[in-house]
Amino acid sequence: MIFEKILSLSKKEQKVTANMREHIKLLCNACDLFRTAMEKDNRDLMRDVIDLEREGDSIRRDIISLIYEGAFLPYLRPDLCRFVEIVDNVFDVLGDTANSYLDGKIPEQIKSECIRIAYFNLKICEMLLITFEAMLKGEDLREKTLAIRIYEKKIDDIKFSLIKDIRKIPISNFWEGKILSEFISGLATISDIIESASDHLQIINVIMK
């Protein structure tokens, strides 16, 4: 049983799983902060999102270092590292999207829908954390990964609607349009990467059995 294996982990391995948990929790905090910053149109909070990205990168380095110092058996290390890198990629995209927000201005016509995506990004991230905890307990992950896919589908639907809407919005120059396009693309890409992370948890789950 996976649960029995987790109980028998060395201190180094327990540190890795604890750090992985904190990495995902920090990502949830970053997604929540991003949503709040959008709702309040608070640029200082949006800059804090970028600071959390740097903190996430530090945790990633610690995890990878511990793994390659000998935590877990060699056959499992690449998949654990890959999962951590995928989660860190979400931080990167979130930070880039926060920068796009700071560099541009979100038209009022689409602001509420962008906030909806930010809300669903938070929920899908929280579900990733729940899925990770379930994996550690040896639970079946299918319902949880299905919930992640449902959130991702909702975000895709909003994104396609936004793409139609922004075509009707007057853009004063090339750079304004580029920044807006990058913002919406980044906002919608976050859920795609989290879905990939949940798929990789399924792989790890199978390997550990």
C-alpha atoms as a PDB file:
ATOM      1  CA  MET A   1       0.000   0.000   0.000  1.00  0.00           C
ATOM      2  CA  ILE A   2       1.176   3.543  -0.782  1.00  0.00           C
ATOM      3  CA  PHE A   3       0.180   4.673   2.714  1.00  0.00           C
ATOM      4  CA  GLU A   4       2.469   2.067   4.269  1.00  0.00           C
ATOM      5  CA  LYS A   5       5.296   3.181   1.984  1.00  0.00           C
ATOM      6  CA  ILE A   6       4.790   6.811   3.003  1.00  0.00           C
ATOM      7  CA  LEU A   7       4.968   5.855   6.688  1.00  0.00           C
ATOM      8  CA  SER A   8       8.284   4.114   6.054  1.00  0.00           C
ATOM      9  CA  LEU A   9       9.898   7.042   4.243  1.00  0.00           C
ATOM     10  CA  SER A  10      13.260   8.295   5.422  1.00  0.00           C
ATOM     11  CA  LYS A  11      13.553  11.785   6.908  1.00  0.00           C
ATOM     12  CA  LYS A  12      14.905  13.048   3.584  1.00  0.00           C
ATOM     13  CA  GLU A  13      11.945  11.594   1.701  1.00  0.00           C
ATOM     14  CA  GLN A  14       9.491  12.967   4.251  1.00  0.00           C
ATOM     15  CA  LYS A  15      11.123  16.375   3.745  1.00  0.00           C
ATOM     16  CA  VAL A  16      10.602  16.056  -0.012  1.00  0.00           C
ATOM     17  CA  THR A  17       6.893  15.248   0.300  1.00  0.00           C
ATOM     18  CA  ALA A  18       6.454  18.059   2.849  1.00  0.00           C
ATOM     19  CA  ASN A  19       8.160  20.519   0.508  1.00  0.00           C
ATOM     20  CA  MET A  20       6.062  19.328  -2.432  1.00  0.00           C
ATOM     21  CA  ARG A  21       2.963  19.969  -0.344  1.00  0.00           C
ATOM     22  CA  GLU A  22       4.192  23.462   0.559  1.00  0.00           C
ATOM     23  CA  HIS A  23       5.031  24.130  -3.092  1.00  0.00           C
ATOM     24  CA  ILE A  24       1.445  23.410  -4.153  1.00  0.00           C
ATOM     25  CA  LYS A  25       0.008  25.321  -1.168  1.00  0.00           C
ATOM     26  CA  LEU A  26       2.097  28.334  -2.124  1.00  0.00           C
ATOM     27  CA  LEU A  27       0.768  28.086  -5.671  1.00  0.00           C
ATOM     28  CA  CYS A  28      -2.793  28.082  -4.289  1.00  0.00           C
ATOM     29  CA  ASN A  29      -1.929  31.219  -2.299  1.00  0.00           C
ATOM     30  CA  ALA A  30      -0.491  32.845  -5.433  1.00  0.00           C
ATOM     31  CA  CYS A  31      -3.631  32.031  -7.448  1.00  0.00           C
ATOM     32  CA  ASP A  32      -5.831  33.399  -4.660  1.00  0.00           C
ATOM     33  CA  LEU A  33      -3.723  36.563  -4.446  1.00  0.00           C
ATOM     34  CA  PHE A  34      -3.903  37.004  -8.219  1.00  0.00           C
ATOM     35  CA  ARG A  35      -7.712  36.735  -8.121  1.00  0.00           C
ATOM     36  CA  THR A  36      -7.945  39.218  -5.246  1.00  0.00           C
ATOM     37  CA  ALA A  37      -5.591  41.635  -6.995  1.00  0.00           C
ATOM     38  CA  MET A  38      -7.814  41.550 -10.079  1.00  0.00           C
ATOM     39  CA  GLU A  39     -11.023  42.007  -8.102  1.00  0.00           C
ATOM     40  CA  LYS A  40      -9.599  44.999  -6.213  1.00  0.00           C
ATOM     41  CA  ASP A  41      -7.512  46.273  -9.130  1.00  0.00           C
ATOM     42  CA  ASN A  42      -4.637  46.360  -6.669  1.00  0.00           C
ATOM     43  CA  ARG A  43      -1.264  46.575  -8.389  1.00  0.00           C
ATOM     44  CA  ASP A  44       0.681  46.093  -5.161  1.00  0.00           C
ATOM     45  CA  LEU A  45      -1.019  42.746  -4.587  1.00  0.00           C
ATOM     46  CA  MET A  46      -0.231  41.766  -8.171  1.00  0.00           C
ATOM     47  CA  ARG A  47       3.452  42.515  -7.515  1.00  0.00           C
ATOM     48  CA  ASP A  48       3.220  40.231  -4.484  1.00  0.00           C
ATOM     49  CA  VAL A  49       2.207  37.431  -6.870  1.00  0.00           C
ATOM     50  CA  ILE A  50       5.550  37.866  -8.635  1.00  0.00           C
ATOM     51  CA  ASP A  51       7.329  37.656  -5.262  1.00  0.00           C
ATOM     52  CA  LEU A  52       5.565  34.354  -4.553  1.00  0.00           C
ATOM     53  CA  GLU A  53       6.835  33.057  -7.902  1.00  0.00           C
ATOM     54  CA  ARG A  54      10.404  33.633  -6.682  1.00  0.00           C
ATOM     55  CA  GLU A  55       9.613  31.880  -3.392  1.00  0.00           C
ATOM     56  CA  GLY A  56       8.172  28.944  -5.327  1.00  0.00           C
ATOM     57  CA  ASP A  57      11.356  28.701  -7.388  1.00  0.00           C
ATOM     58  CA  SER A  58      13.383  28.467  -4.192  1.00  0.00           C
ATOM     59  CA  ILE A  59      11.237  25.588  -2.907  1.00  0.00           C
ATOM     60  CA  ARG A  60      11.592  23.839  -6.277  1.00  0.00           C
ATOM     61  CA  ARG A  61      15.381  23.995  -6.056  1.00  0.00           C
ATOM     62  CA  ASP A  62      15.306  22.558  -2.528  1.00  0.00           C
ATOM     63  CA  ILE A  63      13.090  19.658  -3.618  1.00  0.00           C
ATOM     64  CA  ILE A  64      15.193  18.783  -6.657  1.00  0.00           C
ATOM     65  CA  SER A  65      18.366  18.977  -4.577  1.00  0.00           C
ATOM     66  CA  LEU A  66      16.976  16.598  -1.943  1.00  0.00           C
ATOM     67  CA  ILE A  67      15.796  14.136  -4.564  1.00  0.00           C
ATOM     68  CA  TYR A  68      19.195  13.982  -6.237  1.00  0.00           C
ATOM     69  CA  GLU A  69      20.924  13.687  -2.870  1.00  0.00           C
ATOM     70  CA  GLY A  70      19.276  10.271  -2.613  1.00  0.00           C
ATOM     71  CA  ALA A  71      15.635  10.686  -1.613  1.00  0.00           C
ATOM     72  CA  PHE A  72      13.444   7.947  -3.140  1.00  0.00           C
ATOM     73  CA  LEU A  73      14.540   5.105  -5.377  1.00  0.00           C
ATOM     74  CA  PRO A  74      16.209   6.036  -8.684  1.00  0.00           C
ATOM     75  CA  TYR A  75      13.309   4.825 -10.869  1.00  0.00           C
ATOM     76  CA  LEU A  76      10.923   7.254  -9.143  1.00  0.00           C
ATOM     77  CA  ARG A  77      13.121  10.362  -9.076  1.00  0.00           C
ATOM     78  CA  PRO A  78      12.609  11.536 -12.688  1.00  0.00           C
ATOM     79  CA  ASP A  79       8.820  11.500 -12.366  1.00  0.00           C
ATOM     80  CA  LEU A  80       8.883  13.306  -9.026  1.00  0.00           C
ATOM     81  CA  CYS A  81      11.208  15.934 -10.487  1.00  0.00           C
ATOM     82  CA  ARG A  82       9.006  16.251 -13.563  1.00  0.00           C
ATOM     83  CA  PHE A  83       5.929  16.862 -11.405  1.00  0.00           C
ATOM     84  CA  VAL A  84       7.744  19.541  -9.397  1.00  0.00           C
ATOM     85  CA  GLU A  85       8.916  21.212 -12.621  1.00  0.00           C
ATOM     86  CA  ILE A  86       5.359  21.236 -13.990  1.00  0.00           C
ATOM     87  CA  VAL A  87       4.063  22.902 -10.817  1.00  0.00           C
ATOM     88  CA  ASP A  88       6.891  25.430 -11.024  1.00  0.00           C
ATOM     89  CA  ASN A  89       5.909  26.119 -14.632  1.00  0.00           C
ATOM     90  CA  VAL A  90       2.513  27.248 -13.336  1.00  0.00           C
ATOM     91  CA  PHE A  91       4.319  29.757 -11.102  1.00  0.00           C
ATOM     92  CA  ASP A  92       6.251  31.007 -14.154  1.00  0.00           C
ATOM     93  CA  VAL A  93       3.106  31.521 -16.237  1.00  0.00           C
ATOM     94  CA  LEU A  94       1.278  33.126 -13.309  1.00  0.00           C
ATOM     95  CA  GLY A  95       4.192  35.534 -12.799  1.00  0.00           C
ATOM     96  CA  ASP A  96       4.312  36.398 -16.509  1.00  0.00           C
ATOM     97  CA  THR A  97       0.543  36.968 -16.510  1.00  0.00           C
ATOM     98  CA  ALA A  98       0.863  39.228 -13.463  1.00  0.00           C
ATOM     99  CA  ASN A  99       3.500  41.217 -15.346  1.00  0.00           C
ATOM    100  CA  SER A 100       1.157  41.540 -18.336  1.00  0.00           C
ATOM    101  CA  TYR A 101      -1.520  42.865 -15.994  1.00  0.00           C
ATOM    102  CA  LEU A 102       0.896  45.455 -14.618  1.00  0.00           C
ATOM    103  CA  ASP A 103       2.069  46.476 -18.106  1.00  0.00           C
ATOM    104  CA  GLY A 104      -1.391  46.924 -19.576  1.00  0.00           C
ATOM    105  CA  LYS A 105      -4.995  47.623 -18.712  1.00  0.00           C
ATOM    106  CA  ILE A 106      -7.837  45.126 -18.769  1.00  0.00           C
ATOM    107  CA  PRO A 107     -10.894  46.526 -20.603  1.00  0.00           C
ATOM    108  CA  GLU A 108     -13.970  46.746 -18.409  1.00  0.00           C
ATOM    109  CA  GLN A 109     -15.961  44.735 -20.976  1.00  0.00           C
ATOM    110  CA  ILE A 110     -13.990  41.566 -20.201  1.00  0.00           C
ATOM    111  CA  LYS A 111     -12.800  42.141 -16.651  1.00  0.00           C
ATOM    112  CA  SER A 112     -15.529  40.071 -14.962  1.00  0.00           C
ATOM    113  CA  GLU A 113     -14.843  37.081 -17.197  1.00  0.00           C
ATOM    114  CA  CYS A 114     -11.108  37.334 -16.520  1.00  0.00           C
ATOM    115  CA  ILE A 115     -11.868  37.304 -12.792  1.00  0.00           C
ATOM    116  CA  ARG A 116     -13.997  34.177 -13.329  1.00  0.00           C
ATOM    117  CA  ILE A 117     -11.013  32.441 -14.924  1.00  0.00           C
ATOM    118  CA  ALA A 118      -8.811  33.545 -12.023  1.00  0.00           C
ATOM    119  CA  TYR A 119     -11.375  32.055  -9.613  1.00  0.00           C
ATOM    120  CA  PHE A 120     -11.444  28.737 -11.468  1.00  0.00           C
ATOM    121  CA  ASN A 121      -7.636  28.731 -11.557  1.00  0.00           C
ATOM    122  CA  LEU A 122      -7.704  28.916  -7.770  1.00  0.00           C
ATOM    123  CA  LYS A 123     -10.225  26.074  -7.524  1.00  0.00           C
ATOM    124  CA  ILE A 124      -8.298  23.823  -9.911  1.00  0.00           C
ATOM    125  CA  CYS A 125      -5.107  24.494  -7.950  1.00  0.00           C
ATOM    126  CA  GLU A 126      -6.857  23.599  -4.690  1.00  0.00           C
ATOM    127  CA  MET A 127      -8.048  20.385  -6.338  1.00  0.00           C
ATOM    128  CA  LEU A 128      -4.456  19.589  -7.331  1.00  0.00           C
ATOM    129  CA  LEU A 129      -3.475  19.865  -3.655  1.00  0.00           C
ATOM    130  CA  ILE A 130      -6.368  17.565  -2.697  1.00  0.00           C
ATOM    131  CA  THR A 131      -5.237  15.095  -5.369  1.00  0.00           C
ATOM    132  CA  PHE A 132      -1.662  15.170  -4.082  1.00  0.00           C
ATOM    133  CA  GLU A 133      -2.827  14.475  -0.526  1.00  0.00           C
ATOM    134  CA  ALA A 134      -5.041  11.655  -1.801  1.00  0.00           C
ATOM    135  CA  MET A 135      -2.076  10.094  -3.595  1.00  0.00           C
ATOM    136  CA  LEU A 136      -0.059  10.098  -0.367  1.00  0.00           C
ATOM    137  CA  LYS A 137      -2.935   8.316   1.371  1.00  0.00           C
ATOM    138  CA  GLY A 138      -3.199   5.697  -1.370  1.00  0.00           C
ATOM    139  CA  GLU A 139      -6.677   6.808  -2.449  1.00  0.00           C
ATOM    140  CA  ASP A 140      -8.130   6.509  -5.929  1.00  0.00           C
ATOM    141  CA  LEU A 141      -7.453   9.694  -7.912  1.00  0.00           C
ATOM    142  CA  ARG A 142      -9.939   9.320 -10.757  1.00  0.00           C
ATOM    143  CA  GLU A 143     -12.750  11.490  -9.358  1.00  0.00           C
ATOM    144  CA  LYS A 144     -10.326  14.222  -8.373  1.00  0.00           C
ATOM    145  CA  THR A 145      -8.571  14.314 -11.731  1.00  0.00           C
ATOM    146  CA  LEU A 146     -12.006  14.381 -13.384  1.00  0.00           C
ATOM    147  CA  ALA A 147     -12.895  17.456 -11.306  1.00  0.00           C
ATOM    148  CA  ILE A 148      -9.691  19.114 -12.546  1.00  0.00           C
ATOM    149  CA  ARG A 149     -10.666  18.369 -16.152  1.00  0.00           C
ATOM    150  CA  ILE A 150     -14.131  19.841 -15.581  1.00  0.00           C
ATOM    151  CA  TYR A 151     -12.627  23.087 -14.247  1.00  0.00           C
ATOM    152  CA  GLU A 152     -10.212  23.167 -17.183  1.00  0.00           C
ATOM    153  CA  LYS A 153     -13.106  22.761 -19.635  1.00  0.00           C
ATOM    154  CA  LYS A 154     -14.986  25.651 -17.988  1.00  0.00           C
ATOM    155  CA  ILE A 155     -11.909  27.859 -18.371  1.00  0.00           C
ATOM    156  CA  ASP A 156     -11.519  26.875 -22.028  1.00  0.00           C
ATOM    157  CA  ASP A 157     -15.141  27.829 -22.687  1.00  0.00           C
ATOM    158  CA  ILE A 158     -14.634  31.261 -21.106  1.00  0.00           C
ATOM    159  CA  LYS A 159     -11.384  31.750 -23.042  1.00  0.00           C
ATOM    160  CA  PHE A 160     -13.062  31.100 -26.404  1.00  0.00           C
ATOM    161  CA  SER A 161     -15.803  33.560 -25.486  1.00  0.00           C
ATOM    162  CA  LEU A 162     -13.188  36.149 -24.475  1.00  0.00           C
ATOM    163  CA  ILE A 163     -11.348  35.760 -27.766  1.00  0.00           C
ATOM    164  CA  LYS A 164     -14.556  36.661 -29.587  1.00  0.00           C
ATOM    165  CA  ASP A 165     -15.194  39.612 -27.267  1.00  0.00           C
ATOM    166  CA  ILE A 166     -11.741  41.200 -27.543  1.00  0.00           C
ATOM    167  CA  ARG A 167     -12.065  41.339 -31.328  1.00  0.00           C
ATOM    168  CA  LYS A 168     -14.796  43.930 -30.790  1.00  0.00           C
ATOM    169  CA  ILE A 169     -12.741  46.067 -28.405  1.00  0.00           C
ATOM    170  CA  PRO A 170     -10.903  49.057 -29.936  1.00  0.00           C
ATOM    171  CA  ILE A 171      -7.125  48.744 -29.484  1.00  0.00           C
ATOM    172  CA  SER A 172      -5.063  51.935 -29.738  1.00  0.00           C
ATOM    173  CA  ASN A 173      -1.752  50.340 -30.745  1.00  0.00           C
ATOM    174  CA  PHE A 174       0.054  47.065 -31.424  1.00  0.00           C
ATOM    175  CA  TRP A 175       1.646  46.798 -27.975  1.00  0.00           C
ATOM    176  CA  GLU A 176      -1.634  47.302 -26.142  1.00  0.00           C
ATOM    177  CA  GLY A 177      -3.157  44.466 -28.155  1.00  0.00           C
ATOM    178  CA  LYS A 178      -0.125  42.233 -27.650  1.00  0.00           C
ATOM    179  CA  ILE A 179      -0.110  42.685 -23.871  1.00  0.00           C
ATOM    180  CA  LEU A 180      -3.850  42.016 -23.655  1.00  0.00           C
ATOM    181  CA  SER A 181      -3.500  38.894 -25.796  1.00  0.00           C
ATOM    182  CA  GLU A 182      -0.612  37.620 -23.656  1.00  0.00           C
ATOM    183  CA  PHE A 183      -2.584  38.287 -20.479  1.00  0.00           C
ATOM    184  CA  ILE A 184      -5.603  36.273 -21.619  1.00  0.00           C
ATOM    185  CA  SER A 185      -3.421  33.486 -23.019  1.00  0.00           C
ATOM    186  CA  GLY A 186      -1.457  33.224 -19.767  1.00  0.00           C
ATOM    187  CA  LEU A 187      -4.591  33.313 -17.643  1.00  0.00           C
ATOM    188  CA  ALA A 188      -6.092  30.403 -19.589  1.00  0.00           C
ATOM    189  CA  THR A 189      -2.844  28.407 -19.833  1.00  0.00           C
ATOM    190  CA  ILE A 190      -2.540  28.034 -16.057  1.00  0.00           C
ATOM    191  CA  SER A 191      -5.323  25.437 -15.931  1.00  0.00           C
ATOM    192  CA  ASP A 192      -3.791  23.486 -18.842  1.00  0.00           C
ATOM    193  CA  ILE A 193      -0.524  23.105 -16.944  1.00  0.00           C
ATOM    194  CA  ILE A 194      -2.274  22.143 -13.708  1.00  0.00           C
ATOM    195  CA  GLU A 195      -4.161  19.459 -15.624  1.00  0.00           C
ATOM    196  CA  SER A 196      -0.807  18.155 -16.866  1.00  0.00           C
ATOM    197  CA  ALA A 197       0.439  18.116 -13.261  1.00  0.00           C
ATOM    198  CA  SER A 198      -2.567  16.055 -12.171  1.00  0.00           C
ATOM    199  CA  ASP A 199      -1.953  13.609 -15.036  1.00  0.00           C
ATOM    200  CA  HIS A 200       1.615  13.202 -13.812  1.00  0.00           C
ATOM    201  CA  LEU A 201       0.379  12.487 -10.300  1.00  0.00           C
ATOM    202  CA  GLN A 202      -1.537   9.575 -11.819  1.00  0.00           C
ATOM    203  CA  ILE A 203       1.734   8.287 -13.287  1.00  0.00           C
ATOM    204  CA  ILE A 204       3.504   8.575  -9.929  1.00  0.00           C
ATOM    205  CA  ASN A 205       0.536   6.925  -8.240  1.00  0.00           C
ATOM    206  CA  VAL A 206       0.798   3.887 -10.534  1.00  0.00           C
ATOM    207  CA  ILE A 207       4.588   3.640 -10.149  1.00  0.00           C
ATOM    208  CA  MET A 208       4.401   3.710  -6.347  1.00  0.00           C
ATOM    209  CA  LYS A 209       1.904   0.839  -6.155  1.00  0.00           C
END
